[in-house]
Amino acid sequence: MKQLSNTITEYLPGLFLVDLDQQLTGFRSFISSWICKTNEVCFVVDPGPLSTHQVLLDALDSLNIDRIDYILLTHIHIDHAGSSGQLVKSFPEAVVVCHPKGIEHLINPEKLWHGSLKVLGDMARAYGEIVPVPEKNIMTHPQESGSSKIEVIETPGHAPHHRCYLFKEILFAGEAAGVNIPVSGGVYQRIATPPRFIYDVYFNSLKKASITGAEKIAFAHYGLRPDAENVFQTAFQQLEFWMNTVKAHYKKGNNYSGQQLLLELLQTDPALNMFSKLDSDLQEREKSFCLNSIRGMYEFMDRQTV
């Protein structure tokens, strides 16, 4: 791993992470875009929000990249895909690859933008509006074959339009395997279950991602892990641990308390034992995302009893 600049890290020859820090408390070393360049193909995975588009352009320029074959979207949430249309303006030959459910929202992002405003509020405004992608630039699958083949794995657990991309030994996992934050002495890892949580869909997506044969996991949030098997083992264990914890609270019949559940998980989930090593602003960010996941699981239990 080589730090090439304040924003670019080369993890492997031709594989670069671009840090897309936000002007939001706690959103540093968290949102990223991946650039992969070989002799056969050049692609960007999740170009990020519009607010950091210039950061990505500067990174591409500093890496002497003047052509992009594909812009691969793991999902169309605005922190991952918001700047896709703007990037196409600079690289008009680039093909944006996304799940079929995302196509209409890329062509006409008004509904996606208003939905993001409703859910995220000021955070969405900080990310910036979504620039439309020309329909002619969109495909559902890459066309590469042989040594440049990019395989699509549909993983709708984190979002209905979520997918992973397997390239050689690397799985660009988006949020299918959760969130990975390196800290002093280890790694903080958490699942990324959505507020509208469906256990079987999330579990099956995790399973599909885990049997791809990938050796390395490129996270959207954050960095590269060379131990894919360990990543997925932790993710499965954490999913079951959280579900069992939420289920136990639910069966007690007490009023829902996300804060109480979060406190228990922070004290008992081995994968969260590095939480205390995070800086205070990162802890606040992570608490917010954890509470979203807890609420989704609790509401899933509610629906199961109807």
Protein backbone atom coordinates (compact mmCIF):
# COMPACT_ATOMS: atom_id res chain seq x y z
CA MET A 1 0.00 0.00 0.00
CA LYS A 2 1.39 3.40 -1.01
CA GLN A 3 0.00 6.81 -0.10
CA LEU A 4 0.37 8.79 -3.32
CA SER A 5 -1.28 12.00 -2.09
CA ASN A 6 -3.67 13.29 0.56
CA THR A 7 -6.55 11.67 -1.31
CA ILE A 8 -5.05 8.74 -3.29
CA THR A 9 -3.86 5.41 -1.93
CA GLU A 10 -2.48 2.69 -4.21
CA TYR A 11 -3.39 -0.62 -2.59
CA LEU A 12 -2.18 -2.84 -5.43
CA PRO A 13 -0.51 -2.04 -8.77
CA GLY A 14 -3.19 -0.26 -10.78
CA LEU A 15 -5.75 -0.24 -7.93
CA PHE A 16 -6.36 3.10 -6.25
CA LEU A 17 -8.70 4.33 -3.54
CA VAL A 18 -9.72 7.99 -3.75
CA ASP A 19 -10.79 9.50 -0.45
CA LEU A 20 -13.94 11.60 -0.84
CA ASP A 21 -14.06 13.39 2.50
CA GLN A 22 -17.25 15.34 3.16
CA GLN A 23 -17.73 18.69 4.86
CA LEU A 24 -19.80 16.87 7.46
CA THR A 25 -18.82 16.04 11.03
CA GLY A 26 -17.42 12.52 11.18
CA PHE A 27 -17.41 11.91 7.42
CA ARG A 28 -13.69 11.55 6.84
CA SER A 29 -11.86 8.46 5.59
CA PHE A 30 -15.30 7.00 5.02
CA ILE A 31 -16.69 7.67 1.54
CA SER A 32 -14.42 6.56 -1.27
CA SER A 33 -14.20 5.74 -4.95
CA TRP A 34 -12.09 2.98 -6.49
CA ILE A 35 -10.09 3.35 -9.70
CA CYS A 36 -8.76 0.22 -11.41
CA LYS A 37 -6.46 0.49 -14.42
CA THR A 38 -4.91 -2.43 -16.30
CA ASN A 39 -3.56 -2.80 -19.83
CA GLU A 40 -6.98 -4.06 -20.93
CA VAL A 41 -9.53 -1.97 -19.05
CA CYS A 42 -9.98 1.10 -16.85
CA PHE A 43 -12.97 1.50 -14.58
CA VAL A 44 -14.20 3.57 -11.65
CA VAL A 45 -16.35 2.01 -8.93
CA ASP A 46 -18.83 4.37 -7.24
CA PRO A 47 -17.70 7.88 -8.25
CA GLY A 48 -19.27 9.34 -5.11
CA PRO A 49 -21.39 12.45 -4.52
CA LEU A 50 -21.39 15.57 -6.65
CA SER A 51 -19.76 17.59 -3.85
CA THR A 52 -16.46 15.71 -4.29
CA HIS A 53 -16.53 15.38 -8.05
CA GLN A 54 -13.52 17.66 -8.50
CA VAL A 55 -11.50 15.55 -6.05
CA LEU A 56 -12.12 12.50 -8.22
CA LEU A 57 -11.30 14.40 -11.42
CA ASP A 58 -8.03 15.65 -9.91
CA ALA A 59 -7.17 12.08 -8.90
CA LEU A 60 -7.82 10.77 -12.40
CA ASP A 61 -5.69 13.55 -13.83
CA SER A 62 -2.81 12.90 -11.44
CA LEU A 63 -2.91 9.20 -12.40
CA ASN A 64 -2.74 10.19 -16.08
CA ILE A 65 -6.07 8.54 -16.84
CA ASP A 66 -7.63 10.03 -19.95
CA ARG A 67 -10.10 7.26 -20.71
CA ILE A 68 -12.63 5.38 -18.57
CA ASP A 69 -14.30 2.28 -19.98
CA TYR A 70 -16.80 1.74 -17.17
CA ILE A 71 -18.31 3.53 -14.21
CA LEU A 72 -19.53 0.66 -12.06
CA LEU A 73 -22.25 1.50 -9.53
CA THR A 74 -22.73 -0.85 -6.60
CA HIS A 75 -25.98 1.02 -5.88
CA ILE A 76 -27.52 4.39 -6.65
CA HIS A 77 -27.48 6.03 -3.21
CA ILE A 78 -26.24 9.58 -3.73
CA ASP A 79 -23.03 9.14 -1.72
CA HIS A 80 -22.05 6.40 -4.18
CA ALA A 81 -23.57 7.42 -7.52
CA GLY A 82 -24.49 11.10 -7.30
CA SER A 83 -21.68 12.37 -9.54
CA SER A 84 -22.04 9.72 -12.26
CA GLY A 85 -23.64 12.08 -14.77
CA GLN A 86 -21.02 14.75 -14.11
CA LEU A 87 -18.22 12.24 -14.65
CA VAL A 88 -19.72 11.21 -17.99
CA LYS A 89 -19.50 14.85 -19.09
CA SER A 90 -15.71 14.63 -18.71
CA PHE A 91 -15.48 11.06 -20.07
CA PRO A 92 -18.29 10.81 -22.65
CA GLU A 93 -17.14 7.36 -23.82
CA ALA A 94 -17.61 5.86 -20.34
CA VAL A 95 -20.41 3.33 -19.86
CA VAL A 96 -22.30 3.56 -16.57
CA VAL A 97 -23.15 0.07 -15.33
CA CYS A 98 -25.94 -0.33 -12.78
CA HIS A 99 -28.80 -2.56 -11.67
CA PRO A 100 -31.85 -2.41 -13.98
CA LYS A 101 -33.87 -0.87 -11.13
CA GLY A 102 -31.50 2.07 -11.06
CA ILE A 103 -31.62 3.03 -14.72
CA GLU A 104 -34.71 5.24 -14.66
CA HIS A 105 -33.36 7.10 -11.59
CA LEU A 106 -30.05 7.80 -13.33
CA ILE A 107 -31.77 9.11 -16.45
CA ASN A 108 -34.24 11.20 -14.47
CA PRO A 109 -32.92 11.58 -10.91
CA GLU A 110 -35.61 13.99 -9.66
CA LYS A 111 -37.50 11.33 -7.67
CA LEU A 112 -34.26 9.95 -6.23
CA TRP A 113 -33.11 13.43 -5.27
CA HIS A 114 -36.35 14.35 -3.52
CA GLY A 115 -36.37 10.98 -1.75
CA SER A 116 -32.81 11.60 -0.59
CA LEU A 117 -33.77 15.05 0.68
CA LYS A 118 -36.67 13.56 2.62
CA VAL A 119 -34.54 10.87 4.27
CA LEU A 120 -31.19 12.65 4.63
CA GLY A 121 -32.10 16.35 4.76
CA ASP A 122 -29.02 18.54 5.19
CA MET A 123 -26.75 15.55 4.55
CA ALA A 124 -28.23 15.21 1.05
CA ARG A 125 -27.69 18.92 0.43
CA ALA A 126 -24.06 18.52 1.50
CA TYR A 127 -23.65 15.65 -0.97
CA GLY A 128 -25.09 17.79 -3.76
CA GLU A 129 -27.78 17.27 -6.36
CA ILE A 130 -27.69 14.39 -8.82
CA VAL A 131 -26.72 15.04 -12.43
CA PRO A 132 -28.63 12.92 -15.00
CA VAL A 133 -26.80 10.27 -16.99
CA PRO A 134 -27.57 10.08 -20.75
CA GLU A 135 -29.52 6.91 -21.49
CA LYS A 136 -27.09 5.96 -24.27
CA ASN A 137 -24.29 5.71 -21.68
CA ILE A 138 -26.07 3.19 -19.44
CA MET A 139 -25.83 -0.60 -19.48
CA THR A 140 -26.71 -3.32 -16.97
CA HIS A 141 -23.55 -5.40 -17.55
CA PRO A 142 -19.99 -4.77 -18.77
CA GLN A 143 -19.02 -6.38 -22.07
CA GLU A 144 -15.48 -7.41 -21.18
CA SER A 145 -14.31 -11.01 -21.44
CA GLY A 146 -11.15 -13.00 -20.82
CA SER A 147 -8.57 -11.33 -18.56
CA SER A 148 -10.63 -8.12 -18.39
CA LYS A 149 -13.90 -9.81 -17.44
CA ILE A 150 -15.96 -8.03 -14.78
CA GLU A 151 -18.55 -10.31 -13.20
CA VAL A 152 -21.78 -8.90 -11.73
CA ILE A 153 -23.16 -10.40 -8.51
CA GLU A 154 -26.66 -9.24 -7.57
CA THR A 155 -26.74 -8.54 -3.82
CA PRO A 156 -29.95 -6.65 -2.96
CA GLY A 157 -29.53 -6.82 0.84
CA HIS A 158 -28.32 -3.26 1.51
CA ALA A 159 -30.61 -1.83 -1.17
CA PRO A 160 -32.91 -3.40 -3.81
CA HIS A 161 -30.51 -2.18 -6.52
CA HIS A 162 -27.28 -3.27 -4.83
CA ARG A 163 -24.72 -5.43 -6.60
CA CYS A 164 -21.05 -6.36 -6.32
CA TYR A 165 -18.42 -6.62 -9.05
CA LEU A 166 -15.79 -9.34 -9.20
CA PHE A 167 -12.61 -8.50 -11.09
CA LYS A 168 -9.89 -11.14 -10.93
CA GLU A 169 -9.36 -11.83 -7.20
CA ILE A 170 -10.99 -8.59 -5.98
CA LEU A 171 -14.64 -8.17 -5.01
CA PHE A 172 -15.81 -4.57 -5.16
CA ALA A 173 -18.42 -5.13 -2.50
CA GLY A 174 -20.08 -1.75 -2.02
CA GLU A 175 -21.83 -2.29 1.31
CA ALA A 176 -22.73 -5.96 0.88
CA ALA A 177 -20.08 -6.99 3.42
CA GLY A 178 -20.77 -3.99 5.65
CA VAL A 179 -18.41 -1.24 6.73
CA ASN A 180 -14.71 -1.68 7.50
CA ILE A 181 -12.79 1.01 9.39
CA PRO A 182 -9.08 0.38 10.13
CA VAL A 183 -8.09 1.55 13.61
CA SER A 184 -4.98 1.27 15.73
CA GLY A 185 -4.59 -2.37 16.70
CA GLY A 186 -7.30 -3.81 14.48
CA VAL A 187 -10.46 -3.21 12.47
CA TYR A 188 -13.91 -1.95 13.32
CA GLN A 189 -16.48 -3.84 11.23
CA ARG A 190 -20.25 -3.51 11.18
CA ILE A 191 -23.04 -4.78 9.00
CA ALA A 192 -24.87 -2.30 6.76
CA THR A 193 -28.45 -3.47 7.05
CA PRO A 194 -31.02 -0.95 5.79
CA PRO A 195 -33.93 0.60 7.73
CA ARG A 196 -36.27 -1.47 5.53
CA PHE A 197 -34.65 -4.76 6.49
CA ILE A 198 -35.58 -8.21 5.19
CA TYR A 199 -33.50 -10.91 6.83
CA ASP A 200 -33.59 -13.54 4.06
CA VAL A 201 -32.68 -11.00 1.37
CA TYR A 202 -29.75 -9.66 3.35
CA PHE A 203 -28.51 -13.13 4.36
CA ASN A 204 -28.75 -14.49 0.80
CA SER A 205 -26.93 -11.47 -0.61
CA LEU A 206 -24.14 -11.94 1.91
CA LYS A 207 -24.00 -15.62 0.96
CA LYS A 208 -23.74 -14.86 -2.77
CA ALA A 209 -20.94 -12.38 -2.16
CA SER A 210 -19.08 -14.85 0.07
CA ILE A 211 -18.93 -17.68 -2.50
CA THR A 212 -17.50 -15.70 -5.40
CA GLY A 213 -13.99 -16.99 -4.71
CA ALA A 214 -12.68 -13.46 -4.13
CA GLU A 215 -9.50 -13.23 -2.12
CA LYS A 216 -9.72 -9.50 -1.42
CA ILE A 217 -12.61 -7.18 -0.55
CA ALA A 218 -12.66 -3.57 -1.75
CA PHE A 219 -15.09 -1.76 0.54
CA ALA A 220 -16.98 1.38 -0.36
CA HIS A 221 -16.53 2.28 3.32
CA TYR A 222 -13.48 1.79 3.56
CA GLY A 223 -10.27 0.33 2.19
CA LEU A 224 -9.07 -3.08 1.01
CA ARG A 225 -9.07 -6.27 3.06
CA PRO A 226 -6.82 -9.14 1.86
CA ASP A 227 -8.65 -11.69 4.02
CA ALA A 228 -12.04 -12.09 2.34
CA GLU A 229 -12.87 -15.28 4.22
CA ASN A 230 -12.45 -13.54 7.59
CA VAL A 231 -14.52 -10.58 6.43
CA PHE A 232 -17.48 -12.74 5.54
CA GLN A 233 -17.16 -14.94 8.61
CA THR A 234 -17.38 -11.83 10.77
CA ALA A 235 -20.29 -10.44 8.73
CA PHE A 236 -22.35 -13.64 9.11
CA GLN A 237 -21.62 -13.87 12.82
CA GLN A 238 -22.50 -10.24 13.33
CA LEU A 239 -25.77 -10.53 11.44
CA GLU A 240 -26.88 -13.44 13.62
CA PHE A 241 -25.66 -11.76 16.79
CA TRP A 242 -27.59 -8.55 16.10
CA MET A 243 -30.71 -10.44 15.08
CA ASN A 244 -30.64 -12.57 18.22
CA THR A 245 -30.09 -9.51 20.41
CA VAL A 246 -32.95 -7.59 18.81
CA LYS A 247 -35.20 -10.66 18.93
CA ALA A 248 -34.55 -11.14 22.64
CA HIS A 249 -35.54 -7.52 23.35
CA TYR A 250 -38.59 -7.81 21.14
CA LYS A 251 -39.82 -10.95 22.88
CA LYS A 252 -39.61 -9.22 26.26
CA GLY A 253 -42.38 -6.95 25.03
CA ASN A 254 -40.68 -3.80 26.27
CA ASN A 255 -41.05 -0.50 24.45
CA TYR A 256 -38.53 -0.14 21.65
CA SER A 257 -35.29 1.51 22.74
CA GLY A 258 -32.69 1.78 20.01
CA GLN A 259 -30.25 3.39 22.42
CA GLN A 260 -30.54 0.51 24.88
CA LEU A 261 -29.99 -2.05 22.13
CA LEU A 262 -27.03 -0.11 20.78
CA LEU A 263 -25.42 0.05 24.21
CA GLU A 264 -25.80 -3.71 24.60
CA LEU A 265 -24.35 -4.42 21.15
CA LEU A 266 -21.38 -2.14 21.77
CA GLN A 267 -20.67 -4.06 24.96
CA THR A 268 -21.14 -7.57 23.60
CA ASP A 269 -20.51 -7.72 19.82
CA PRO A 270 -16.86 -8.78 19.25
CA ALA A 271 -16.79 -7.08 15.82
CA LEU A 272 -17.55 -3.74 17.47
CA ASN A 273 -14.87 -4.02 20.13
CA MET A 274 -12.74 -1.43 18.31
CA PHE A 275 -15.51 1.18 18.55
CA SER A 276 -13.74 2.86 21.48
CA LYS A 277 -10.65 3.35 19.27
CA LEU A 278 -12.62 5.55 16.85
CA ASP A 279 -12.36 9.32 17.25
CA SER A 280 -15.39 10.87 18.95
CA ASP A 281 -16.83 12.35 15.75
CA LEU A 282 -16.57 8.98 14.00
CA GLN A 283 -18.28 7.34 16.97
CA GLU A 284 -21.24 9.69 16.58
CA ARG A 285 -21.48 8.89 12.88
CA GLU A 286 -21.35 5.17 13.57
CA LYS A 287 -23.98 5.36 16.31
CA SER A 288 -26.36 6.95 13.83
CA PHE A 289 -25.86 4.20 11.24
CA CYS A 290 -26.08 1.47 13.89
CA LEU A 291 -29.38 2.87 15.12
CA ASN A 292 -30.76 2.75 11.57
CA SER A 293 -29.86 -0.93 11.33
CA ILE A 294 -31.29 -1.71 14.75
CA ARG A 295 -34.55 0.01 13.87
CA GLY A 296 -34.76 -1.94 10.62
CA MET A 297 -34.31 -5.23 12.45
CA TYR A 298 -36.86 -4.33 15.11
CA GLU A 299 -39.43 -3.35 12.50
CA PHE A 300 -38.70 -6.60 10.67
CA MET A 301 -39.65 -8.46 13.85
CA ASP A 302 -42.81 -6.38 14.01
CA ARG A 303 -43.80 -7.38 10.48
CA GLN A 304 -43.15 -11.04 11.22
CA THR A 305 -45.76 -11.04 13.96
CA VAL A 306 -48.55 -9.44 11.90
